[in-house]
Protein backbone atom coordinates (compact mmCIF):
# COMPACT_ATOMS: atom_id res chain seq x y z
CA MET A 1 -10.01 31.56 -118.52
CA ALA A 2 -7.77 33.95 -116.61
CA ALA A 3 -4.15 33.81 -115.53
CA VAL A 4 -3.55 33.76 -111.77
CA ASN A 5 -0.40 35.72 -111.02
CA THR A 6 -0.25 35.61 -107.21
CA GLY A 7 -0.72 33.06 -104.48
CA SER A 8 -0.11 29.35 -104.60
CA VAL A 9 -1.41 26.13 -106.10
CA ASN A 10 -1.33 22.93 -104.05
CA GLY A 11 1.16 24.52 -101.66
CA GLN A 12 3.52 25.68 -104.42
CA ALA A 13 4.04 29.43 -104.92
CA ILE A 14 3.05 30.73 -108.37
CA ASN A 15 6.30 32.01 -109.86
CA VAL A 16 5.64 32.42 -113.61
CA THR A 17 3.68 35.65 -113.81
CA SER A 18 5.12 37.98 -116.44
CA GLY A 19 3.30 37.48 -119.73
CA THR A 20 1.01 34.69 -118.52
CA SER A 21 -2.41 35.03 -120.13
CA ALA A 22 -5.44 32.89 -120.93
CA THR A 23 -3.61 31.46 -123.96
CA THR A 24 0.10 31.88 -123.14
CA ILE A 25 2.39 30.39 -120.50
CA PRO A 26 5.91 31.82 -120.90
CA PHE A 27 7.94 29.20 -119.01
CA GLY A 28 11.23 30.49 -120.37
CA THR A 29 14.22 28.18 -119.92
CA LEU A 30 13.42 25.12 -117.84
CA ALA A 31 16.21 23.61 -115.76
CA THR A 32 16.36 20.42 -113.71
CA GLY A 33 15.57 21.24 -110.11
CA GLY A 34 14.05 24.63 -110.99
CA THR A 35 10.36 24.77 -110.16
CA LYS A 36 8.05 26.82 -112.39
CA VAL A 37 4.43 27.07 -111.21
CA VAL A 38 1.65 28.61 -113.32
CA ALA A 39 -2.05 28.82 -112.59
CA HIS A 40 -5.26 29.68 -114.40
CA ASP A 41 -8.82 30.01 -113.14
CA ALA A 42 -11.69 28.87 -115.30
CA THR A 43 -14.97 30.60 -114.47
CA ILE A 44 -18.08 28.86 -115.72
CA VAL A 45 -21.57 30.38 -115.57
CA THR A 46 -24.71 28.68 -116.83
CA ASN A 47 -28.45 28.91 -116.70
CA ALA A 48 -28.81 25.28 -117.77
CA ALA A 49 -31.29 23.32 -115.68
CA ASN A 50 -28.96 20.31 -115.40
CA GLY A 51 -25.68 22.11 -114.75
CA TYR A 52 -22.57 21.99 -116.88
CA GLN A 53 -19.53 19.89 -117.72
CA VAL A 54 -15.96 21.11 -118.11
CA THR A 55 -13.54 19.08 -120.22
CA VAL A 56 -9.77 19.51 -120.26
CA ASN A 57 -7.82 18.06 -123.18
CA ALA A 58 -4.21 18.08 -124.34
CA LEU A 59 -3.55 18.00 -128.06
CA ALA A 60 -0.42 15.85 -127.71
CA ASN A 61 1.29 13.34 -125.44
CA PRO A 62 3.43 14.60 -123.83
CA PRO A 63 1.37 17.78 -123.62
CA LEU A 64 4.36 20.15 -123.79
CA ALA A 65 7.45 19.36 -125.86
CA ASP A 66 10.28 21.23 -127.57
CA ALA A 67 13.24 19.70 -129.38
CA GLY A 68 12.97 16.37 -127.58
CA ASN A 69 12.47 17.88 -124.12
CA ASN A 70 9.07 17.43 -122.56
CA ILE A 71 6.80 18.08 -119.62
CA ASP A 72 4.76 15.00 -118.76
CA PHE A 73 1.21 14.61 -117.47
CA PHE A 74 0.95 14.36 -113.70
CA SER A 75 -0.29 10.98 -112.49
CA GLY A 76 -3.85 10.54 -111.32
CA ASP A 77 -7.17 11.35 -112.92
CA ASN A 78 -10.76 12.08 -111.94
CA THR A 79 -11.41 8.46 -110.99
CA THR A 80 -8.23 8.19 -108.89
CA PRO A 81 -7.10 11.69 -107.82
CA THR A 82 -3.48 11.96 -106.67
CA THR A 83 -1.95 14.44 -104.22
CA TRP A 84 0.42 16.82 -106.03
CA SER A 85 4.15 16.25 -105.66
CA SER A 86 7.03 18.07 -107.30
CA PRO A 87 8.98 16.24 -110.01
CA ALA A 88 11.87 14.24 -108.57
CA GLY A 89 13.79 13.46 -111.77
CA ASN A 90 17.31 14.63 -112.47
CA THR A 91 17.63 13.48 -116.10
CA ALA A 92 16.16 15.63 -118.87
CA THR A 93 12.60 14.62 -119.88
CA ILE A 94 12.28 11.99 -117.12
CA ASN A 95 10.02 13.24 -114.30
CA THR A 96 11.48 16.76 -114.48
CA GLY A 97 8.18 18.53 -115.12
CA PHE A 98 4.45 17.88 -114.84
CA VAL A 99 1.26 19.29 -116.29
CA GLY A 100 -1.76 18.79 -114.07
CA TYR A 101 -4.92 20.39 -112.80
CA THR A 102 -6.74 20.90 -109.56
CA THR A 103 -10.38 21.51 -108.76
CA GLU A 104 -12.42 22.65 -105.80
CA SER A 105 -15.36 20.54 -106.98
CA ASN A 106 -16.24 17.30 -105.26
CA SER A 107 -18.22 16.19 -108.30
CA ARG A 108 -15.92 14.62 -110.88
CA SER A 109 -16.50 12.08 -113.61
CA SER A 110 -13.89 9.83 -115.18
CA HIS A 111 -12.04 10.96 -118.25
CA VAL A 112 -12.09 9.29 -121.64
């Protein structure tokens, strides 16, 4: 897992770069209407005859929370992928931030 500090994700410029690592995302202060975009690349190598499977889990719901403020999961899943859109909320903790993922793979299975 490696931080991506340049470029864009789903058309959004990556703008959280200082201090981002494989295990840390320093969002800093989040404000309504202020977009913060972070990216990581997962590189998987295997010699397994039948390929591999990558699983992404969050340990909580919402996945990111602090003192009653939260960043929600983005809608969509492997069964029903959804095109990325920026949060449109203007009230704290209501559609003001999303956690999601993107893949270049066309082979996806549903989540459990």
